[in-house]
């Protein structure tokens, strides 16, 4: 099942998502002339020189600004040297390198790996080094803070986030025309499609992508999997989600995948798309006048539709000889000042609450919006059991899209397969 999940991640990466730890996709901007990076108040410096090695997936166009943050830390801590090592195949490398004693102190990795690395004993709980649950919940955006807590301990600090939201083409639809809930979405889509032949009111990769369909499941009150391996597909809440999803083929083009959805939107043939921050640079490059809106309420429950929030986390490996110092670096890199700097230069979405609420970030509407949407999201499960859910949820979506079985039958089969997968992962 892990191989199946890895294959899914590769497909999502090719489609433009950031669900693995191999690098960011938001196009960065160069720092303004003379703009300074964040500063650091020196902590008690180590008595002897210390080198901290960070394995990462930051792409070259991001790296200069990331390095600026670490160089400023080094300037305030003269005995500390931070070495950055790009690792393209982080997942495979980490599981062999750390047990082999390789020199790696900090990982800049995907949040979804937390459970696997923690269970394997490859990373240290930073809650043992002063990073309490209260600290992360006070410092970082709610669901992002929750994403680094696993089995009651804090395993890292979040340094960048991603989630889905609604993006609309202002040439096709006004803000006042946006649906407020999912029932209104279905109604307006039918009317709008009829009035605009060859165009579509709403698109996203609905047919077979669990990541993109997650807002409906969680908005309905269902869930994919919990930390202990409990599966929440076959339930009253799951049925509400499945019944809604089964109505989407009537309002969307067929087939519909990520490539088709984004092409329709960029060509002006779709009014609204459900997508992430990685898509914004493409729209800006194309000169589209776009707007952003929070996902609507799930009408059957009155709850907000809740996308997954995921992204990058900084973790301390068990090979680190100076974990207290490494934790200090983690806190600095995710401080409000550092996060504002990286958002302004690399256009990443900050995880730090104070950064997200700052005037500098509010002056960047797209980044500010995704930070706001993240507060109405749910953490992408970090449990290793999540790898057993992608395949059955994908199969469920395909069956609902094809109308080959009733929603009740689809959920029964998906629940049974997911439970089998989880049981196999527990062995």
Protein backbone atom coordinates (compact mmCIF):
# COMPACT_ATOMS: atom_id res chain seq x y z
CA UNK A 1 0.00 0.00 0.00
CA UNK A 2 2.90 2.34 0.66
CA UNK A 3 4.05 1.92 -2.92
CA UNK A 4 0.55 2.71 -4.12
CA UNK A 5 0.50 5.89 -2.06
CA UNK A 6 3.93 6.88 -3.36
CA UNK A 7 2.69 6.41 -6.92
CA UNK A 8 -0.31 8.60 -6.13
CA UNK A 9 2.01 11.29 -4.82
CA UNK A 10 4.08 11.19 -7.98
CA UNK A 11 0.93 11.67 -10.04
CA UNK A 12 -0.15 14.58 -7.86
CA UNK A 13 3.28 16.16 -8.14
CA UNK A 14 3.13 15.91 -11.91
CA UNK A 15 -0.30 17.51 -11.75
CA UNK A 16 1.11 20.46 -9.87
CA UNK A 17 0.39 19.62 -6.25
CA UNK A 18 2.74 19.68 -3.33
CA UNK A 19 1.92 16.56 -1.37
CA UNK A 20 5.37 15.14 -1.08
CA UNK A 21 8.62 16.49 0.27
CA UNK A 22 10.37 17.12 -3.02
CA UNK A 23 10.06 20.87 -3.29
CA UNK A 24 7.73 23.85 -3.40
CA UNK A 25 5.87 24.92 -6.51
CA UNK A 26 4.83 28.52 -5.89
CA UNK A 27 6.89 30.72 -8.19
CA UNK A 28 9.13 32.94 -6.06
CA UNK A 29 9.94 36.58 -6.53
CA UNK A 30 13.34 38.12 -6.10
CA UNK A 31 13.83 40.07 -2.88
CA UNK A 32 13.31 43.83 -3.35
CA UNK A 33 16.47 45.87 -3.71
CA UNK A 34 17.99 46.39 -0.30
CA UNK A 35 15.37 44.32 1.56
CA UNK A 36 16.80 42.76 4.66
CA UNK A 37 16.05 39.29 5.94
CA UNK A 38 14.89 38.55 9.47
CA UNK A 39 17.15 39.17 12.42
CA UNK A 40 17.73 37.00 15.47
CA UNK A 41 18.37 37.76 19.10
CA UNK A 42 21.32 35.56 20.04
CA UNK A 43 20.64 32.67 22.42
CA UNK A 44 23.38 31.19 24.58
CA UNK A 45 25.97 30.25 21.93
CA UNK A 46 27.57 26.80 21.96
CA UNK A 47 31.05 26.76 23.50
CA UNK A 48 32.50 24.90 20.51
CA UNK A 49 31.71 25.20 16.79
CA UNK A 50 28.68 23.16 15.75
CA UNK A 51 27.61 22.19 12.23
CA UNK A 52 23.94 21.41 11.66
CA UNK A 53 23.09 19.64 8.40
CA UNK A 54 19.62 20.13 6.93
CA UNK A 55 18.28 17.80 4.25
CA UNK A 56 15.71 19.59 2.12
CA UNK A 57 13.84 19.76 -1.17
CA UNK A 58 13.87 23.56 -1.69
CA UNK A 59 14.19 24.29 -5.37
CA UNK A 60 17.04 26.54 -6.64
CA UNK A 61 14.80 29.55 -7.19
CA UNK A 62 13.77 29.38 -3.51
CA UNK A 63 17.12 28.60 -2.02
CA UNK A 64 18.75 32.04 -1.97
CA UNK A 65 16.07 33.46 0.32
CA UNK A 66 16.07 30.37 2.54
CA UNK A 67 19.84 30.63 2.84
CA UNK A 68 19.50 34.29 3.79
CA UNK A 69 17.44 33.29 6.84
CA UNK A 70 20.03 30.74 7.94
CA UNK A 71 22.95 33.10 7.28
CA UNK A 72 21.31 35.65 9.57
CA UNK A 73 20.98 33.00 12.26
CA UNK A 74 24.65 32.13 11.88
CA UNK A 75 25.59 35.81 12.17
CA UNK A 76 23.84 35.97 15.54
CA UNK A 77 25.32 32.60 16.62
CA UNK A 78 28.99 32.68 15.54
CA UNK A 79 29.75 29.10 16.58
CA UNK A 80 26.89 27.67 14.53
CA UNK A 81 27.23 26.64 10.89
CA UNK A 82 24.17 25.46 8.95
CA UNK A 83 24.78 23.31 5.89
CA UNK A 84 21.95 22.73 3.42
CA UNK A 85 21.90 19.52 1.38
CA UNK A 86 19.35 19.05 -1.41
CA UNK A 87 17.96 15.50 -1.42
CA UNK A 88 15.69 14.66 -4.34
CA UNK A 89 14.44 11.28 -3.10
CA UNK A 90 13.94 12.13 0.55
CA UNK A 91 11.57 9.31 1.44
CA UNK A 92 13.86 6.52 0.28
CA UNK A 93 17.05 8.19 1.48
CA UNK A 94 15.89 8.99 5.01
CA UNK A 95 14.76 5.49 5.95
CA UNK A 96 18.20 4.09 5.21
CA UNK A 97 20.51 7.03 5.94
CA UNK A 98 19.40 7.75 9.50
CA UNK A 99 19.67 4.12 10.73
CA UNK A 100 23.03 4.03 8.97
CA UNK A 101 24.28 6.93 11.08
CA UNK A 102 24.58 9.44 8.26
CA UNK A 103 25.16 13.07 9.26
CA UNK A 104 21.74 14.71 9.06
CA UNK A 105 20.36 16.83 11.89
CA UNK A 106 17.19 18.42 10.49
CA UNK A 107 14.73 17.36 7.80
CA UNK A 108 12.61 19.82 5.80
CA UNK A 109 9.99 17.29 4.80
CA UNK A 110 6.32 16.71 4.09
CA UNK A 111 3.91 16.70 7.05
CA UNK A 112 2.38 13.40 5.94
CA UNK A 113 5.62 11.58 6.80
CA UNK A 114 5.51 12.49 10.49
CA UNK A 115 3.80 9.30 11.65
CA UNK A 116 6.04 6.95 9.69
CA UNK A 117 9.25 8.63 10.81
CA UNK A 118 8.09 8.88 14.43
CA UNK A 119 6.98 5.24 14.61
CA UNK A 120 10.31 4.15 13.11
CA UNK A 121 12.21 6.15 15.74
CA UNK A 122 13.99 8.20 13.08
CA UNK A 123 13.03 11.62 14.46
CA UNK A 124 12.95 13.08 17.96
CA UNK A 125 9.84 14.51 19.61
CA UNK A 126 10.62 18.20 19.93
CA UNK A 127 8.19 18.32 22.84
CA UNK A 128 11.10 16.77 24.78
CA UNK A 129 13.06 19.96 24.02
CA UNK A 130 10.63 22.67 25.02
CA UNK A 131 8.23 22.75 22.06
CA UNK A 132 4.96 22.06 23.85
CA UNK A 133 1.52 21.53 22.34
CA UNK A 134 0.54 24.86 23.89
CA UNK A 135 3.46 26.54 22.13
CA UNK A 136 2.59 25.22 18.67
CA UNK A 137 -1.11 26.03 19.09
CA UNK A 138 -0.30 29.55 20.26
CA UNK A 139 2.28 30.11 17.52
CA UNK A 140 0.94 28.41 14.38
CA UNK A 141 -2.39 28.38 12.52
CA UNK A 142 -4.74 25.89 14.21
CA UNK A 143 -4.93 22.92 11.80
CA UNK A 144 -1.25 23.37 10.90
CA UNK A 145 -0.34 23.21 14.58
CA UNK A 146 -2.41 20.05 14.96
CA UNK A 147 -0.60 18.45 12.03
CA UNK A 148 2.69 18.21 13.96
CA UNK A 149 1.12 16.50 16.99
CA UNK A 150 1.20 12.71 16.81
CA UNK A 151 0.47 10.25 19.62
CA UNK A 152 0.38 13.08 22.12
CA UNK A 153 3.81 14.49 21.26
CA UNK A 154 5.04 17.35 19.06
CA UNK A 155 7.40 16.13 16.34
CA UNK A 156 8.37 19.30 14.52
CA UNK A 157 7.34 22.79 13.52
CA UNK A 158 5.44 23.68 10.31
CA UNK A 159 7.30 26.01 7.94
CA UNK A 160 4.98 26.34 4.94
CA UNK A 161 1.43 25.29 4.17
CA UNK A 162 -0.87 24.48 1.31
CA UNK A 163 -4.61 23.90 1.03
CA UNK A 164 -7.38 24.14 -1.53
CA UNK A 165 -9.70 27.10 -1.96
CA UNK A 166 -12.02 28.52 -4.61
CA UNK A 167 -10.57 30.61 -7.42
CA UNK A 168 -12.97 32.36 -9.78
CA UNK A 169 -12.64 34.20 -13.08
CA UNK A 170 -13.98 37.74 -12.59
CA UNK A 171 -14.69 38.01 -16.30
CA UNK A 172 -17.24 35.20 -15.95
CA UNK A 173 -18.70 35.57 -12.49
CA UNK A 174 -18.96 38.19 -9.77
CA UNK A 175 -18.29 37.73 -6.08
CA UNK A 176 -22.01 38.16 -5.34
CA UNK A 177 -22.80 35.19 -7.61
CA UNK A 178 -20.67 32.68 -5.70
CA UNK A 179 -22.61 29.86 -4.02
CA UNK A 180 -22.71 29.96 -0.24
CA UNK A 181 -23.35 26.24 0.20
CA UNK A 182 -23.18 22.99 -1.76
CA UNK A 183 -26.91 22.86 -2.59
CA UNK A 184 -26.64 26.33 -4.08
CA UNK A 185 -23.55 25.20 -5.98
CA UNK A 186 -25.48 22.40 -7.70
CA UNK A 187 -28.44 24.67 -8.48
CA UNK A 188 -26.37 27.56 -9.84
CA UNK A 189 -24.13 25.22 -11.85
CA UNK A 190 -27.10 23.70 -13.69
CA UNK A 191 -28.51 27.13 -14.55
CA UNK A 192 -25.16 28.67 -15.50
CA UNK A 193 -24.10 25.72 -17.67
CA UNK A 194 -27.40 25.88 -19.56
CA UNK A 195 -26.95 29.60 -20.17
CA UNK A 196 -23.31 29.21 -21.28
CA UNK A 197 -23.00 26.30 -23.73
CA UNK A 198 -19.50 24.86 -23.87
CA UNK A 199 -18.58 26.38 -20.51
CA UNK A 200 -18.84 25.14 -16.93
CA UNK A 201 -19.70 26.87 -13.69
CA UNK A 202 -17.42 24.72 -11.49
CA UNK A 203 -14.53 22.35 -12.16
CA UNK A 204 -11.92 20.39 -10.23
CA UNK A 205 -10.47 16.86 -10.55
CA UNK A 206 -13.58 15.28 -9.06
CA UNK A 207 -13.56 11.87 -10.69
CA UNK A 208 -10.69 10.13 -8.92
CA UNK A 209 -8.71 12.43 -6.62
CA UNK A 210 -9.23 11.91 -2.86
CA UNK A 211 -7.17 15.00 -1.96
CA UNK A 212 -9.50 17.26 -3.95
CA UNK A 213 -12.66 15.55 -2.69
CA UNK A 214 -11.64 15.68 0.99
CA UNK A 215 -13.53 18.97 1.65
CA UNK A 216 -16.87 17.23 1.08
CA UNK A 217 -16.10 14.24 3.31
CA UNK A 218 -14.86 16.38 6.18
CA UNK A 219 -17.54 19.02 5.66
CA UNK A 220 -20.11 16.26 6.01
CA UNK A 221 -18.49 15.17 9.28
CA UNK A 222 -16.93 12.00 7.85
CA UNK A 223 -13.20 11.25 7.80
CA UNK A 224 -10.75 9.04 5.96
CA UNK A 225 -8.75 7.59 8.85
CA UNK A 226 -7.79 8.42 12.41
CA UNK A 227 -4.50 7.98 14.21
CA UNK A 228 -5.49 4.57 15.59
CA UNK A 229 -6.53 3.25 12.17
CA UNK A 230 -10.28 3.85 12.53
CA UNK A 231 -11.91 4.39 9.12
CA UNK A 232 -14.86 6.78 8.73
CA UNK A 233 -16.20 6.28 5.21
CA UNK A 234 -19.27 4.09 5.81
CA UNK A 235 -21.36 6.26 8.10
CA UNK A 236 -24.30 8.65 8.01
CA UNK A 237 -21.85 11.48 7.44
CA UNK A 238 -20.02 9.54 4.74
CA UNK A 239 -23.32 8.89 3.00
CA UNK A 240 -24.06 12.63 2.87
CA UNK A 241 -20.67 13.22 1.23
CA UNK A 242 -21.12 10.35 -1.24
CA UNK A 243 -24.61 11.53 -2.21
CA UNK A 244 -23.28 15.00 -2.96
CA UNK A 245 -20.33 13.70 -4.98
CA UNK A 246 -22.67 11.47 -7.00
CA UNK A 247 -24.42 14.63 -8.28
CA UNK A 248 -21.26 16.26 -9.63
CA UNK A 249 -21.04 14.42 -12.98
CA UNK A 250 -24.25 16.20 -14.05
CA UNK A 251 -22.59 19.63 -13.79
CA UNK A 252 -19.01 18.91 -14.91
CA UNK A 253 -17.34 17.87 -18.16
CA UNK A 254 -16.36 14.27 -18.73
CA UNK A 255 -13.69 13.18 -18.26
CA UNK A 256 -12.36 15.62 -15.68
CA UNK A 257 -8.89 15.43 -14.19
CA UNK A 258 -6.40 18.05 -13.01
CA UNK A 259 -5.05 18.82 -16.47
CA UNK A 260 -8.52 19.19 -17.97
CA UNK A 261 -9.84 21.31 -15.09
CA UNK A 262 -6.94 23.77 -15.10
CA UNK A 263 -7.00 24.04 -18.90
CA UNK A 264 -10.70 24.89 -18.90
CA UNK A 265 -10.22 27.54 -16.26
CA UNK A 266 -7.22 29.18 -17.91
CA UNK A 267 -9.04 29.18 -21.27
CA UNK A 268 -11.99 31.04 -19.78
CA UNK A 269 -14.30 28.04 -20.10
CA UNK A 270 -14.89 27.54 -16.39
CA UNK A 271 -16.04 30.14 -13.86
CA UNK A 272 -14.78 28.55 -10.62
CA UNK A 273 -12.00 26.06 -9.89
CA UNK A 274 -11.05 24.37 -6.64
CA UNK A 275 -7.26 24.56 -6.51
CA UNK A 276 -4.23 25.50 -4.43
CA UNK A 277 -1.58 28.23 -4.12
CA UNK A 278 0.69 26.53 -6.66
CA UNK A 279 -1.85 27.50 -9.37
CA UNK A 280 -1.80 31.25 -8.68
CA UNK A 281 1.46 32.06 -10.53
CA UNK A 282 0.08 30.46 -13.71
CA UNK A 283 -2.97 32.71 -13.56
CA UNK A 284 -0.90 35.81 -12.90
CA UNK A 285 1.42 34.95 -15.76
CA UNK A 286 -1.63 34.57 -18.01
CA UNK A 287 -2.91 37.97 -16.86
CA UNK A 288 -6.22 36.63 -15.55
CA UNK A 289 -8.30 38.85 -13.29
CA UNK A 290 -9.13 36.26 -10.66
CA UNK A 291 -10.77 36.31 -7.25
CA UNK A 292 -10.49 34.03 -4.22
CA UNK A 293 -13.25 32.72 -1.98
CA UNK A 294 -13.44 30.36 0.98
CA UNK A 295 -14.96 26.97 0.27
CA UNK A 296 -18.74 26.94 0.80
CA UNK A 297 -20.71 25.33 3.59
CA UNK A 298 -21.66 21.70 3.19
CA UNK A 299 -25.41 22.22 3.06
CA UNK A 300 -26.50 18.97 4.72
CA UNK A 301 -24.58 19.81 7.89
CA UNK A 302 -24.07 23.58 7.88
CA UNK A 303 -20.37 22.93 8.46
CA UNK A 304 -17.60 24.52 6.46
CA UNK A 305 -16.27 22.32 3.65
CA UNK A 306 -12.82 21.48 4.97
CA UNK A 307 -9.87 20.85 2.64
CA UNK A 308 -6.71 19.13 3.78
CA UNK A 309 -3.95 21.45 4.96
CA UNK A 310 -0.47 20.10 4.36
CA UNK A 311 2.98 21.33 3.53
CA UNK A 312 6.50 21.30 4.92
CA UNK A 313 7.61 20.56 8.45
CA UNK A 314 11.04 20.83 10.07
CA UNK A 315 12.01 17.69 12.02
CA UNK A 316 15.01 16.84 14.22
CA UNK A 317 16.53 13.44 13.48
CA UNK A 318 17.71 10.97 16.08
CA UNK A 319 21.25 11.42 14.73
CA UNK A 320 21.35 15.05 15.86
CA UNK A 321 23.96 15.56 18.60
CA UNK A 322 22.65 19.03 19.50
CA UNK A 323 18.84 18.76 19.55
CA UNK A 324 18.37 21.83 21.76
CA UNK A 325 20.28 23.94 19.27
CA UNK A 326 18.41 22.36 16.34
CA UNK A 327 15.10 23.23 17.99
CA UNK A 328 16.27 26.83 18.36
CA UNK A 329 16.94 26.91 14.61
CA UNK A 330 13.48 25.47 13.95
CA UNK A 331 11.82 28.14 16.05
CA UNK A 332 13.80 30.88 14.35
CA UNK A 333 13.02 29.69 10.83
CA UNK A 334 9.30 29.67 11.66
CA UNK A 335 9.27 32.91 13.63
CA UNK A 336 6.89 35.64 12.46
CA UNK A 337 9.73 37.76 11.11
CA UNK A 338 11.32 34.93 9.12
CA UNK A 339 7.95 33.77 7.79
CA UNK A 340 7.01 37.25 6.62
CA UNK A 341 10.35 37.56 4.83
CA UNK A 342 9.96 34.20 3.09
CA UNK A 343 6.37 34.94 2.13
CA UNK A 344 7.37 38.26 0.56
CA UNK A 345 10.33 36.80 -1.31
CA UNK A 346 9.36 33.18 -2.04
CA UNK A 347 5.59 33.65 -1.95
CA UNK A 348 5.09 30.77 0.45
CA UNK A 349 2.03 30.75 2.71
CA UNK A 350 3.07 31.32 6.34
CA UNK A 351 2.20 28.94 9.14
CA UNK A 352 2.96 31.45 11.90
CA UNK A 353 -0.20 33.18 13.20
CA UNK A 354 1.48 36.52 13.84
CA UNK A 355 2.97 36.49 10.36
CA UNK A 356 -0.39 35.66 8.76
CA UNK A 357 -2.03 38.54 10.65
CA UNK A 358 0.71 41.06 9.86
CA UNK A 359 0.22 44.08 7.62
CA UNK A 360 2.91 42.79 5.25
CA UNK A 361 1.00 39.55 4.59
CA UNK A 362 -2.37 41.27 4.38
CA UNK A 363 -0.84 43.38 1.62
CA UNK A 364 -0.36 40.12 -0.34
CA UNK A 365 -4.01 39.14 -0.98
CA UNK A 366 -3.48 35.63 -2.37
CA UNK A 367 -1.11 34.59 0.41
CA UNK A 368 -3.36 36.13 3.06
CA UNK A 369 -6.37 34.30 1.63
CA UNK A 370 -4.73 30.87 1.73
CA UNK A 371 -3.66 31.49 5.32
CA UNK A 372 -7.31 32.30 6.10
CA UNK A 373 -8.54 29.18 4.29
CA UNK A 374 -6.03 27.07 6.22
CA UNK A 375 -7.72 28.10 9.45
CA UNK A 376 -10.90 26.43 8.07
CA UNK A 377 -9.15 23.24 7.03
CA UNK A 378 -8.29 19.87 8.51
CA UNK A 379 -4.79 18.38 8.79
CA UNK A 380 -3.83 15.85 6.16
CA UNK A 381 -3.58 12.73 8.37
CA UNK A 382 0.00 12.03 9.39
CA UNK A 383 -0.70 8.48 10.54
CA UNK A 384 0.97 5.76 8.44
CA UNK A 385 -2.51 4.26 8.01
CA UNK A 386 -3.42 7.07 5.64
CA UNK A 387 -1.48 5.23 2.93
CA UNK A 388 -4.18 2.56 3.07
CA UNK A 389 -6.98 5.01 2.24
CA UNK A 390 -5.93 6.54 -1.08
CA UNK A 391 -6.77 3.48 -3.17
CA UNK A 392 -10.25 2.71 -1.72
CA UNK A 393 -11.32 6.37 -1.73
CA UNK A 394 -10.17 6.69 -5.35
CA UNK A 395 -12.19 3.59 -6.25
CA UNK A 396 -15.21 5.02 -4.43
CA UNK A 397 -14.98 8.30 -6.35
CA UNK A 398 -14.74 6.47 -9.67
CA UNK A 399 -17.79 4.34 -8.82
CA UNK A 400 -19.81 7.36 -7.72
CA UNK A 401 -18.81 9.21 -10.88
CA UNK A 402 -19.78 6.28 -13.11
CA UNK A 403 -23.03 5.64 -11.23
CA UNK A 404 -22.13 1.94 -11.23
CA UNK A 405 -23.45 1.40 -7.69
CA UNK A 406 -25.52 3.19 -5.09
CA UNK A 407 -23.69 5.47 -2.64
CA UNK A 408 -24.47 2.95 0.12
CA UNK A 409 -22.87 0.11 -1.83
CA UNK A 410 -19.87 2.25 -2.77
CA UNK A 411 -19.22 3.16 0.85
CA UNK A 412 -19.61 -0.41 2.07
CA UNK A 413 -16.97 -1.61 -0.39
CA UNK A 414 -14.62 1.31 0.27
CA UNK A 415 -14.86 0.86 4.05
CA UNK A 416 -14.16 -2.86 3.80
CA UNK A 417 -11.12 -2.37 1.54
CA UNK A 418 -9.75 0.44 3.69
CA UNK A 419 -10.04 -1.68 6.83
CA UNK A 420 -8.19 -4.52 5.07
CA UNK A 421 -5.43 -2.13 4.06
CA UNK A 422 -5.11 -0.72 7.57
CA UNK A 423 -5.01 -4.24 9.05
CA UNK A 424 -2.18 -5.14 6.67
CA UNK A 425 -0.25 -2.01 7.68
CA UNK A 426 -0.62 -2.94 11.36
CA UNK A 427 1.12 -6.31 10.88
